[in-house]
């Protein structure tokens, strides 16, 4: 009997694994390559492979997969504001749908719905209300013609986004309630919850306070009503279970002895549950006591670290007047002065709670000026390039200049003759941008990459550097609600990535 159960379990696992592998295999190599590039944020490369995948699927008569890849490529076009290319690609996709030999009108309508939805998304981004309404009407026709209930739900969702985005809050509420009630009646609570979360996230990404407020208010009301429905369902299920159990007992247990056995069993179960609760209470009390001790330990450790940092900073400050009296032209004295200054800077950054002020800065000019400061420090034949669009962004110029200049100085020191140093600026989102400093030097060994941002890990000859430059840069990045790290995928030298969030 046991061997039979094991065989059934093994067969079930084998079937599940085979199903998952079959799903992955259903995707072409081009589509998998496109998804990989898309996940890495390589927009142009991902777009190229999605278009190749679309053409490949169309050539094989796999219209559904082809259209899905085509609309993903379209989204990557207008992500970079390439609207003409996006509209041209959608026209190509629609032509292939009509000429692709689809078996039914409903199948064609479902595919046309996907392309029309992308046009709707573009007009929403361009804030063209009249064009958005036209696309919604076309989407409704296709959703009805397809007979697909999921497309009708998706249409309601997109209508809601349109109403909220253009300030038609009452109509947005009505449409969203229609969709929520429809899915709630089908007891698809998780789908409704997912739609609410998506709507709130879209509002935050688009900085639409009205959309976020309306969505969140409706979400809370719906959450409370669903909680009541779930409780009613649970109570109904329990009542039904009790009724079924009572009927089974009434049918099967006709004798008093059988009923006594049930009572004895319930008593034993109650005793076991009581014992389990007692053990659980003891374990919970021990956990509470241990948690309190850990909190005290952590608090004490934090206080000690703060005192240590203050002590080190005070020592550095007390030594500074004496060091200033020495000849700063001596390499050893200059190294001590720099070390003292770095310690005080690092301590101030770690213990400061002040908010960092931002100012609007022209990126192209800012990056060019930084690169000019190292031009006389590089070796013969080293090429310097700056890639920054003519746009402005809000940054803290003091901190960002310090970080980038330190990285460029290091690049100038370690890049050999004939090498290359580059400084790039990229806008990664509405509130996120990125600086990249790359060089073709010897690189940093993988096992040392985590340690370069940690101070005081080893004893150093201060005349050759104190090792606090990158830890200070890291702290500055964190103070700006960002981060500084090394790109592990860059293998031709070293690339530092400074991510900032406005």
Protein backbone atom coordinates (compact mmCIF):
# COMPACT_ATOMS: atom_id res chain seq x y z
CA UNK A 1 0.00 0.00 0.00
CA UNK A 2 2.82 2.36 0.94
CA UNK A 3 4.68 1.64 -2.30
CA UNK A 4 1.53 2.41 -4.28
CA UNK A 5 1.18 5.83 -2.56
CA UNK A 6 4.84 6.63 -3.24
CA UNK A 7 4.39 5.72 -6.88
CA UNK A 8 1.36 8.04 -7.19
CA UNK A 9 3.28 10.89 -5.49
CA UNK A 10 6.30 10.40 -7.78
CA UNK A 11 4.09 10.36 -10.87
CA UNK A 12 2.33 13.60 -9.78
CA UNK A 13 5.66 15.39 -9.25
CA UNK A 14 6.93 14.17 -12.61
CA UNK A 15 3.77 15.46 -14.31
CA UNK A 16 4.08 18.92 -12.67
CA UNK A 17 7.76 19.24 -13.64
CA UNK A 18 6.97 18.19 -17.20
CA UNK A 19 4.19 20.78 -17.40
CA UNK A 20 6.48 23.60 -16.20
CA UNK A 21 9.22 22.60 -18.66
CA UNK A 22 6.67 22.45 -21.47
CA UNK A 23 5.51 25.99 -20.64
CA UNK A 24 9.09 27.32 -20.86
CA UNK A 25 9.78 25.39 -24.04
CA UNK A 26 6.68 26.94 -25.62
CA UNK A 27 8.55 30.25 -25.72
CA UNK A 28 10.93 30.73 -28.63
CA UNK A 29 14.62 31.49 -28.05
CA UNK A 30 14.04 35.02 -29.36
CA UNK A 31 11.26 35.69 -26.85
CA UNK A 32 13.32 34.32 -23.96
CA UNK A 33 16.27 36.49 -25.04
CA UNK A 34 13.95 39.54 -25.21
CA UNK A 35 12.60 38.87 -21.71
CA UNK A 36 16.15 38.50 -20.35
CA UNK A 37 17.24 41.84 -21.86
CA UNK A 38 14.01 43.48 -20.64
CA UNK A 39 14.66 42.29 -17.09
CA UNK A 40 18.17 43.82 -17.23
CA UNK A 41 16.70 47.18 -18.32
CA UNK A 42 18.29 47.06 -21.79
CA UNK A 43 15.39 48.74 -23.59
CA UNK A 44 16.78 48.90 -27.14
CA UNK A 45 18.10 45.33 -27.08
CA UNK A 46 14.88 43.93 -25.59
CA UNK A 47 12.81 45.81 -28.17
CA UNK A 48 14.93 44.40 -31.03
CA UNK A 49 14.45 40.79 -29.88
CA UNK A 50 10.71 41.25 -29.22
CA UNK A 51 10.26 42.47 -32.81
CA UNK A 52 12.33 39.51 -34.08
CA UNK A 53 10.18 37.16 -31.97
CA UNK A 54 6.98 38.77 -33.37
CA UNK A 55 8.15 38.24 -36.96
CA UNK A 56 9.25 34.67 -36.17
CA UNK A 57 5.92 33.73 -34.58
CA UNK A 58 3.92 35.32 -37.43
CA UNK A 59 5.97 33.35 -39.91
CA UNK A 60 5.10 30.14 -38.03
CA UNK A 61 1.39 31.02 -37.84
CA UNK A 62 1.47 31.50 -34.04
CA UNK A 63 -0.57 34.70 -33.99
CA UNK A 64 -1.25 34.94 -30.24
CA UNK A 65 2.44 34.72 -29.23
CA UNK A 66 3.39 37.02 -32.09
CA UNK A 67 0.94 39.76 -31.10
CA UNK A 68 1.98 39.56 -27.44
CA UNK A 69 5.65 40.05 -28.37
CA UNK A 70 4.73 42.85 -30.79
CA UNK A 71 2.81 44.88 -28.20
CA UNK A 72 5.68 44.46 -25.71
CA UNK A 73 8.04 45.94 -28.31
CA UNK A 74 5.54 48.78 -28.83
CA UNK A 75 5.54 49.56 -25.10
CA UNK A 76 9.34 49.77 -25.17
CA UNK A 77 9.14 52.24 -28.07
CA UNK A 78 6.89 54.75 -26.34
CA UNK A 79 8.75 54.22 -23.08
CA UNK A 80 11.46 56.28 -24.80
CA UNK A 81 8.87 58.61 -26.41
CA UNK A 82 9.31 57.04 -29.87
CA UNK A 83 5.61 57.33 -30.68
CA UNK A 84 5.88 57.26 -34.49
CA UNK A 85 7.75 53.94 -34.40
CA UNK A 86 5.24 52.58 -31.89
CA UNK A 87 2.20 53.46 -34.05
CA UNK A 88 3.91 52.06 -37.18
CA UNK A 89 4.57 48.75 -35.41
CA UNK A 90 0.95 48.51 -34.22
CA UNK A 91 -0.25 49.01 -37.80
CA UNK A 92 2.01 46.13 -38.88
CA UNK A 93 0.60 43.93 -36.13
CA UNK A 94 -3.03 44.73 -37.09
CA UNK A 95 -2.27 43.93 -40.75
CA UNK A 96 -0.78 40.56 -39.75
CA UNK A 97 -3.84 39.78 -37.62
CA UNK A 98 -6.12 40.33 -40.63
CA UNK A 99 -3.91 38.42 -43.07
CA UNK A 100 -2.81 35.71 -40.65
CA UNK A 101 -5.68 33.36 -41.35
CA UNK A 102 -7.33 33.39 -37.90
CA UNK A 103 -10.10 30.81 -37.70
CA UNK A 104 -12.79 32.94 -36.05
CA UNK A 105 -13.81 36.59 -35.86
CA UNK A 106 -13.75 36.29 -32.04
CA UNK A 107 -10.05 35.30 -32.11
CA UNK A 108 -9.23 38.29 -34.34
CA UNK A 109 -11.18 40.63 -32.06
CA UNK A 110 -9.25 39.40 -29.00
CA UNK A 111 -5.91 40.13 -30.73
CA UNK A 112 -7.06 43.53 -32.03
CA UNK A 113 -8.07 44.37 -28.45
CA UNK A 114 -4.40 44.03 -27.39
CA UNK A 115 -3.13 46.44 -30.08
CA UNK A 116 -5.93 48.94 -29.40
CA UNK A 117 -5.09 48.81 -25.69
CA UNK A 118 -1.50 49.85 -26.48
CA UNK A 119 -2.79 52.85 -28.47
CA UNK A 120 -4.97 53.71 -25.48
CA UNK A 121 -1.88 53.57 -23.22
CA UNK A 122 0.06 55.90 -25.52
CA UNK A 123 -2.74 58.46 -25.76
CA UNK A 124 -3.08 58.31 -21.96
CA UNK A 125 0.62 59.09 -21.65
CA UNK A 126 0.24 61.97 -24.13
CA UNK A 127 -2.88 63.18 -22.23
CA UNK A 128 -5.05 63.26 -25.39
CA UNK A 129 -8.50 62.75 -23.89
CA UNK A 130 -10.48 62.65 -27.14
CA UNK A 131 -8.19 59.99 -28.65
CA UNK A 132 -8.34 57.99 -25.41
CA UNK A 133 -12.16 57.91 -25.56
CA UNK A 134 -12.02 56.75 -29.21
CA UNK A 135 -9.71 53.87 -28.27
CA UNK A 136 -11.93 52.88 -25.32
CA UNK A 137 -14.94 52.65 -27.66
CA UNK A 138 -12.96 50.47 -30.07
CA UNK A 139 -11.73 48.30 -27.18
CA UNK A 140 -15.33 47.82 -26.02
CA UNK A 141 -16.39 46.65 -29.49
CA UNK A 142 -13.51 44.15 -29.65
CA UNK A 143 -14.11 42.90 -26.08
CA UNK A 144 -17.80 42.25 -26.87
CA UNK A 145 -16.95 40.61 -30.21
CA UNK A 146 -14.36 38.33 -28.58
CA UNK A 147 -16.79 37.02 -25.97
CA UNK A 148 -13.85 36.87 -23.55
CA UNK A 149 -14.95 37.75 -20.01
CA UNK A 150 -11.39 38.59 -18.92
CA UNK A 151 -11.14 41.25 -21.67
CA UNK A 152 -14.42 42.79 -20.50
CA UNK A 153 -13.01 43.00 -16.96
CA UNK A 154 -9.81 44.52 -18.35
CA UNK A 155 -11.89 47.10 -20.24
CA UNK A 156 -13.62 48.13 -17.02
CA UNK A 157 -10.23 48.48 -15.35
CA UNK A 158 -8.86 50.72 -18.15
CA UNK A 159 -12.01 52.83 -18.16
CA UNK A 160 -11.51 53.38 -14.44
CA UNK A 161 -7.93 54.54 -14.98
CA UNK A 162 -9.12 56.96 -17.69
CA UNK A 163 -11.84 58.47 -15.50
CA UNK A 164 -9.54 58.95 -12.52
CA UNK A 165 -6.66 60.28 -14.62
CA UNK A 166 -8.83 62.97 -16.22
CA UNK A 167 -10.60 63.92 -12.96
CA UNK A 168 -13.93 62.14 -13.65
CA UNK A 169 -13.87 60.62 -10.17
CA UNK A 170 -17.60 59.84 -9.85
CA UNK A 171 -17.66 57.90 -13.12
CA UNK A 172 -14.39 56.22 -12.12
CA UNK A 173 -15.92 55.11 -8.83
CA UNK A 174 -19.02 53.76 -10.59
CA UNK A 175 -17.03 51.82 -13.18
CA UNK A 176 -14.63 50.41 -10.63
CA UNK A 177 -17.52 49.36 -8.36
CA UNK A 178 -19.09 47.56 -11.34
CA UNK A 179 -15.87 45.60 -11.91
CA UNK A 180 -15.27 44.92 -8.20
CA UNK A 181 -18.88 43.76 -7.66
CA UNK A 182 -18.66 41.52 -10.71
CA UNK A 183 -15.49 39.75 -9.52
CA UNK A 184 -16.65 39.73 -5.89
CA UNK A 185 -19.90 38.01 -6.91
CA UNK A 186 -17.74 35.35 -8.56
CA UNK A 187 -15.80 35.09 -5.25
CA UNK A 188 -12.57 36.01 -7.07
CA UNK A 189 -11.44 38.13 -4.11
CA UNK A 190 -7.73 37.82 -4.90
CA UNK A 191 -8.24 39.26 -8.41
CA UNK A 192 -10.14 42.26 -7.05
CA UNK A 193 -7.43 42.84 -4.45
CA UNK A 194 -4.76 42.64 -7.19
CA UNK A 195 -6.64 45.18 -9.33
CA UNK A 196 -6.91 47.62 -6.42
CA UNK A 197 -3.19 47.25 -5.67
CA UNK A 198 -2.34 47.79 -9.35
CA UNK A 199 -4.54 50.88 -9.56
CA UNK A 200 -2.97 52.39 -6.43
CA UNK A 201 0.54 51.61 -7.75
CA UNK A 202 -0.28 53.23 -11.14
CA UNK A 203 -1.49 56.33 -9.33
CA UNK A 204 1.75 56.56 -7.37
CA UNK A 205 3.93 56.00 -10.46
CA UNK A 206 2.05 58.70 -12.39
CA UNK A 207 2.08 61.01 -9.35
CA UNK A 208 -1.75 61.18 -9.55
CA UNK A 209 -2.80 62.01 -5.97
CA UNK A 210 -6.50 61.94 -6.86
CA UNK A 211 -6.23 58.43 -8.33
CA UNK A 212 -4.35 57.15 -5.27
CA UNK A 213 -6.80 58.72 -2.80
CA UNK A 214 -9.92 57.50 -4.62
CA UNK A 215 -8.48 54.01 -5.14
CA UNK A 216 -7.34 53.65 -1.54
CA UNK A 217 -10.68 54.88 -0.13
CA UNK A 218 -12.62 52.44 -2.32
CA UNK A 219 -10.15 49.68 -1.46
CA UNK A 220 -10.72 50.09 2.30
CA UNK A 221 -14.53 50.00 1.88
CA UNK A 222 -14.29 46.92 -0.35
CA UNK A 223 -11.87 45.21 2.05
CA UNK A 224 -14.31 45.61 4.93
CA UNK A 225 -17.26 44.31 2.90
CA UNK A 226 -15.23 41.32 1.64
CA UNK A 227 -14.17 40.50 5.19
CA UNK A 228 -17.86 40.25 6.10
CA UNK A 229 -18.57 38.11 3.03
CA UNK A 230 -15.67 35.80 3.84
CA UNK A 231 -16.85 35.43 7.42
CA UNK A 232 -20.36 34.67 6.19
CA UNK A 233 -18.95 32.09 3.75
CA UNK A 234 -16.85 30.51 6.51
CA UNK A 235 -19.79 30.40 8.91
CA UNK A 236 -21.99 28.90 6.19
CA UNK A 237 -19.33 26.32 5.35
CA UNK A 238 -18.93 25.45 9.04
CA UNK A 239 -22.66 25.13 9.50
CA UNK A 240 -22.86 22.90 6.44
CA UNK A 241 -19.94 20.83 7.72
CA UNK A 242 -21.60 20.49 11.12
CA UNK A 243 -24.88 19.49 9.49
CA UNK A 244 -23.08 16.93 7.30
CA UNK A 245 -21.22 15.55 10.31
CA UNK A 246 -24.39 15.31 12.36
CA UNK A 247 -26.15 13.51 9.51
CA UNK A 248 -23.23 11.11 9.13
CA UNK A 249 -23.18 10.44 12.87
CA UNK A 250 -26.95 9.93 12.88
CA UNK A 251 -26.73 7.45 10.01
CA UNK A 252 -23.64 5.50 11.10
CA UNK A 253 -23.73 5.62 14.88
CA UNK A 254 -26.97 3.87 15.80
CA UNK A 255 -25.78 2.49 19.08
CA UNK A 256 -25.06 4.17 22.40
CA UNK A 257 -21.61 2.60 22.60
CA UNK A 258 -20.58 4.27 19.36
CA UNK A 259 -21.72 7.64 20.68
CA UNK A 260 -19.79 7.08 23.90
CA UNK A 261 -16.68 6.35 21.83
CA UNK A 262 -17.14 9.68 20.02
CA UNK A 263 -17.52 11.51 23.34
CA UNK A 264 -14.39 9.83 24.72
CA UNK A 265 -12.50 10.71 21.53
CA UNK A 266 -13.62 14.34 21.73
CA UNK A 267 -12.53 14.44 25.36
CA UNK A 268 -9.09 13.11 24.47
CA UNK A 269 -8.86 15.63 21.64
CA UNK A 270 -9.85 18.46 24.01
CA UNK A 271 -7.20 17.32 26.50
CA UNK A 272 -4.59 17.17 23.74
CA UNK A 273 -5.54 20.65 22.54
CA UNK A 274 -5.37 21.99 26.10
CA UNK A 275 -1.90 20.47 26.51
CA UNK A 276 -0.82 21.92 23.17
CA UNK A 277 -2.11 25.35 24.18
CA UNK A 278 -0.22 25.16 27.47
CA UNK A 279 3.01 24.24 25.69
CA UNK A 280 2.39 27.00 23.15
CA UNK A 281 1.86 29.54 25.93
CA UNK A 282 5.19 28.56 27.54
CA UNK A 283 6.99 28.82 24.19
CA UNK A 284 5.36 32.21 23.51
CA UNK A 285 6.41 33.56 26.93
CA UNK A 286 9.99 32.42 26.35
CA UNK A 287 9.96 34.06 22.92
CA UNK A 288 8.69 37.34 24.42
CA UNK A 289 11.41 37.29 27.09
CA UNK A 290 14.13 36.55 24.52
CA UNK A 291 12.81 39.30 22.22
CA UNK A 292 12.99 41.86 25.02
CA UNK A 293 16.56 40.81 25.82
CA UNK A 294 17.52 41.07 22.15
CA UNK A 295 15.98 44.55 21.92
CA UNK A 296 18.01 45.67 24.95
CA UNK A 297 21.17 44.13 23.45
CA UNK A 298 20.59 45.85 20.09
CA UNK A 299 19.86 49.18 21.79
CA UNK A 300 23.02 48.89 23.89
CA UNK A 301 25.08 47.97 20.80
CA UNK A 302 23.72 50.98 18.89
CA UNK A 303 24.51 53.28 21.81
CA UNK A 304 28.04 51.86 22.04
CA UNK A 305 28.58 52.33 18.29
CA UNK A 306 27.39 55.93 18.53
CA UNK A 307 29.76 56.55 21.46
CA UNK A 308 32.65 54.94 19.55
CA UNK A 309 31.98 57.09 16.50
CA UNK A 310 31.79 60.22 18.64
CA UNK A 311 34.99 59.24 20.47
CA UNK A 312 36.89 58.70 17.19
CA UNK A 313 35.55 62.00 15.81
CA UNK A 314 36.56 63.85 19.00
CA UNK A 315 40.09 62.41 18.88
CA UNK A 316 40.41 63.49 15.25
CA UNK A 317 39.14 66.99 16.06
CA UNK A 318 41.55 67.32 19.03
CA UNK A 319 44.52 66.23 16.93
CA UNK A 320 43.67 68.60 14.10
CA UNK A 321 44.99 71.87 15.68
CA UNK A 322 48.32 70.17 16.46
CA UNK A 323 48.62 68.71 12.99
CA UNK A 324 47.88 72.11 11.43
CA UNK A 325 51.04 73.48 13.07
CA UNK A 326 53.22 70.91 11.26
CA UNK A 327 54.56 71.32 7.74
CA UNK A 328 51.72 70.13 5.47
CA UNK A 329 54.16 69.82 2.55
CA UNK A 330 55.60 66.70 4.22
CA UNK A 331 53.83 63.64 2.77
CA UNK A 332 53.38 62.02 6.18
CA UNK A 333 51.85 65.19 7.71
CA UNK A 334 49.55 65.70 4.70
CA UNK A 335 48.45 62.05 4.98
CA UNK A 336 47.59 62.54 8.68
CA UNK A 337 45.68 65.76 7.93
CA UNK A 338 43.69 64.04 5.17
CA UNK A 339 43.03 61.03 7.43
CA UNK A 340 41.77 63.29 10.23
CA UNK A 341 39.52 65.19 7.83
CA UNK A 342 38.14 61.94 6.36
CA UNK A 343 37.35 60.53 9.82
CA UNK A 344 35.42 63.66 10.79
CA UNK A 345 33.53 63.64 7.46
CA UNK A 346 32.60 59.95 7.79
CA UNK A 347 31.51 60.39 11.42
CA UNK A 348 29.38 63.42 10.53
CA UNK A 349 27.69 61.53 7.69
CA UNK A 350 26.95 58.47 9.84
CA UNK A 351 25.46 60.45 12.73
CA UNK A 352 23.72 63.32 10.91
CA UNK A 353 19.92 63.23 10.62
CA UNK A 354 19.58 66.39 8.51
CA UNK A 355 17.72 66.12 5.21
CA UNK A 356 19.76 66.61 2.05
CA UNK A 357 18.75 69.65 -0.02
CA UNK A 358 18.30 69.23 -3.77
CA UNK A 359 18.65 71.78 -6.56
CA UNK A 360 17.80 71.76 -10.27
CA UNK A 361 20.99 71.06 -12.26
CA UNK A 362 21.75 70.87 -15.99
CA UNK A 363 23.21 67.39 -16.40
CA UNK A 364 25.23 67.80 -19.62
CA UNK A 365 27.09 70.87 -18.34
CA UNK A 366 27.52 69.38 -14.85
CA UNK A 367 29.08 66.15 -16.20
CA UNK A 368 31.33 68.01 -18.68
CA UNK A 369 32.72 70.22 -15.89
CA UNK A 370 33.55 67.20 -13.70
CA UNK A 371 35.32 65.40 -16.54
CA UNK A 372 37.40 68.51 -17.32
CA UNK A 373 38.79 68.46 -13.76
CA UNK A 374 40.62 65.17 -14.35
CA UNK A 375 41.76 65.80 -17.94
CA UNK A 376 45.28 66.80 -16.86
CA UNK A 377 45.62 63.79 -14.50
CA UNK A 378 45.12 60.93 -16.96
CA UNK A 379 47.88 59.00 -18.68
CA UNK A 380 48.89 59.45 -22.31
CA UNK A 381 46.30 58.34 -24.87
CA UNK A 382 43.43 57.87 -22.39
CA UNK A 383 40.08 58.79 -23.99
CA UNK A 384 37.51 60.69 -21.93
CA UNK A 385 33.82 60.58 -22.91
CA UNK A 386 30.69 62.07 -21.41
CA UNK A 387 27.22 60.81 -22.28
CA UNK A 388 24.57 62.99 -20.65
CA UNK A 389 21.35 64.31 -22.23
CA UNK A 390 20.58 68.03 -22.25
CA UNK A 391 18.09 67.89 -19.41
CA UNK A 392 17.88 68.95 -15.80
CA UNK A 393 17.43 66.89 -12.63
CA UNK A 394 17.22 67.65 -8.93
CA UNK A 395 20.40 66.55 -7.10
CA UNK A 396 22.58 67.60 -4.19
CA UNK A 397 25.50 69.06 -6.18
CA UNK A 398 27.93 68.96 -3.24
CA UNK A 399 27.54 65.25 -2.52
CA UNK A 400 27.18 64.12 -6.15
CA UNK A 401 30.23 66.18 -7.23
CA UNK A 402 32.29 64.70 -4.38
CA UNK A 403 31.30 61.11 -5.27
CA UNK A 404 31.79 61.41 -9.03
CA UNK A 405 35.07 63.34 -8.75
CA UNK A 406 36.45 60.71 -6.36
CA UNK A 407 35.45 57.91 -8.77
CA UNK A 408 36.95 59.79 -11.75
CA UNK A 409 40.19 60.43 -9.83
CA UNK A 410 40.48 56.72 -9.08
CA UNK A 411 39.76 55.92 -12.74
CA UNK A 412 42.49 58.35 -13.86
CA UNK A 413 44.97 56.70 -11.48
CA UNK A 414 44.28 53.09 -12.49
CA UNK A 415 43.50 53.42 -16.22
CA UNK A 416 46.61 52.57 -18.30
CA UNK A 417 47.84 54.43 -21.37
CA UNK A 418 45.47 54.19 -24.33
CA UNK A 419 42.56 53.31 -22.04
CA UNK A 420 39.08 54.79 -21.78
CA UNK A 421 37.14 56.59 -19.01
CA UNK A 422 33.46 57.47 -19.35
CA UNK A 423 30.84 59.32 -17.32
CA UNK A 424 27.16 58.68 -18.14
CA UNK A 425 23.84 59.99 -16.83
CA UNK A 426 20.59 58.05 -17.37
CA UNK A 427 17.02 58.79 -16.32
CA UNK A 428 15.56 55.50 -15.10
CA UNK A 429 12.08 56.72 -14.13
CA UNK A 430 9.99 59.66 -13.03
CA UNK A 431 11.86 59.88 -9.71
CA UNK A 432 14.99 57.83 -10.34
CA UNK A 433 18.21 58.64 -12.16
CA UNK A 434 21.64 57.09 -12.42
CA UNK A 435 25.29 58.05 -12.90
CA UNK A 436 27.81 55.51 -14.27
CA UNK A 437 31.60 55.91 -14.08
CA UNK A 438 33.49 53.31 -16.16
CA UNK A 439 37.17 52.71 -16.85
CA UNK A 440 39.30 50.09 -18.59
CA UNK A 441 41.74 49.64 -15.72
CA UNK A 442 42.77 46.45 -13.97
CA UNK A 443 39.40 46.13 -12.19
CA UNK A 444 38.59 45.16 -8.60
CA UNK A 445 38.75 41.44 -7.67
CA UNK A 446 35.31 39.97 -6.98
CA UNK A 447 36.23 38.89 -3.45
CA UNK A 448 37.18 42.49 -2.52
CA UNK A 449 34.17 44.32 -4.00
CA UNK A 450 32.07 44.23 -0.84
CA UNK A 451 34.97 45.37 1.36
CA UNK A 452 35.88 48.52 -0.60
CA UNK A 453 32.89 50.34 0.93
CA UNK A 454 33.76 49.32 4.52
CA UNK A 455 36.12 51.54 6.57
CA UNK A 456 38.96 50.47 8.88
CA UNK A 457 39.18 46.86 7.66
CA UNK A 458 42.97 46.80 7.49
CA UNK A 459 46.03 48.71 8.65
CA UNK A 460 47.31 50.97 5.86
CA UNK A 461 50.27 53.15 5.01
CA UNK A 462 48.44 56.50 5.13
CA UNK A 463 50.81 58.04 2.58
CA UNK A 464 49.32 55.60 0.04
CA UNK A 465 45.70 56.32 0.98
CA UNK A 466 43.55 55.70 4.03
CA UNK A 467 40.81 53.65 2.32
CA UNK A 468 38.03 55.99 3.49
CA UNK A 469 37.22 57.58 0.12
CA UNK A 470 34.70 54.98 -1.07
CA UNK A 471 33.07 54.50 2.39
CA UNK A 472 32.49 58.27 2.50
CA UNK A 473 31.01 58.18 -1.02
CA UNK A 474 28.76 55.29 0.01
CA UNK A 475 27.46 57.19 3.04
CA UNK A 476 26.79 60.28 0.90
CA UNK A 477 24.79 58.16 -1.56
CA UNK A 478 22.72 56.69 1.29
CA UNK A 479 22.08 60.16 2.71
CA UNK A 480 20.58 61.13 -0.67
CA UNK A 481 18.17 58.16 -0.49
CA UNK A 482 20.29 56.34 -3.06
CA UNK A 483 23.13 53.82 -3.25
CA UNK A 484 26.61 53.33 -4.71
CA UNK A 485 27.75 49.95 -5.94
CA UNK A 486 29.97 48.13 -8.45
CA UNK A 487 28.38 46.72 -11.60
CA UNK A 488 29.16 42.96 -11.49
CA UNK A 489 28.26 42.52 -15.18
CA UNK A 490 30.97 44.94 -16.36
CA UNK A 491 34.12 42.88 -17.10
CA UNK A 492 36.34 45.26 -19.12
CA UNK A 493 37.56 47.16 -16.09
CA UNK A 494 35.45 48.74 -13.36
CA UNK A 495 32.05 50.42 -13.48
CA UNK A 496 30.58 52.22 -10.47
CA UNK A 497 26.80 52.81 -10.44
CA UNK A 498 25.33 55.70 -8.41
CA UNK A 499 21.53 55.34 -8.09
CA UNK A 500 19.57 58.37 -6.82
CA UNK A 501 15.88 58.75 -5.94
CA UNK A 502 14.40 62.24 -6.06
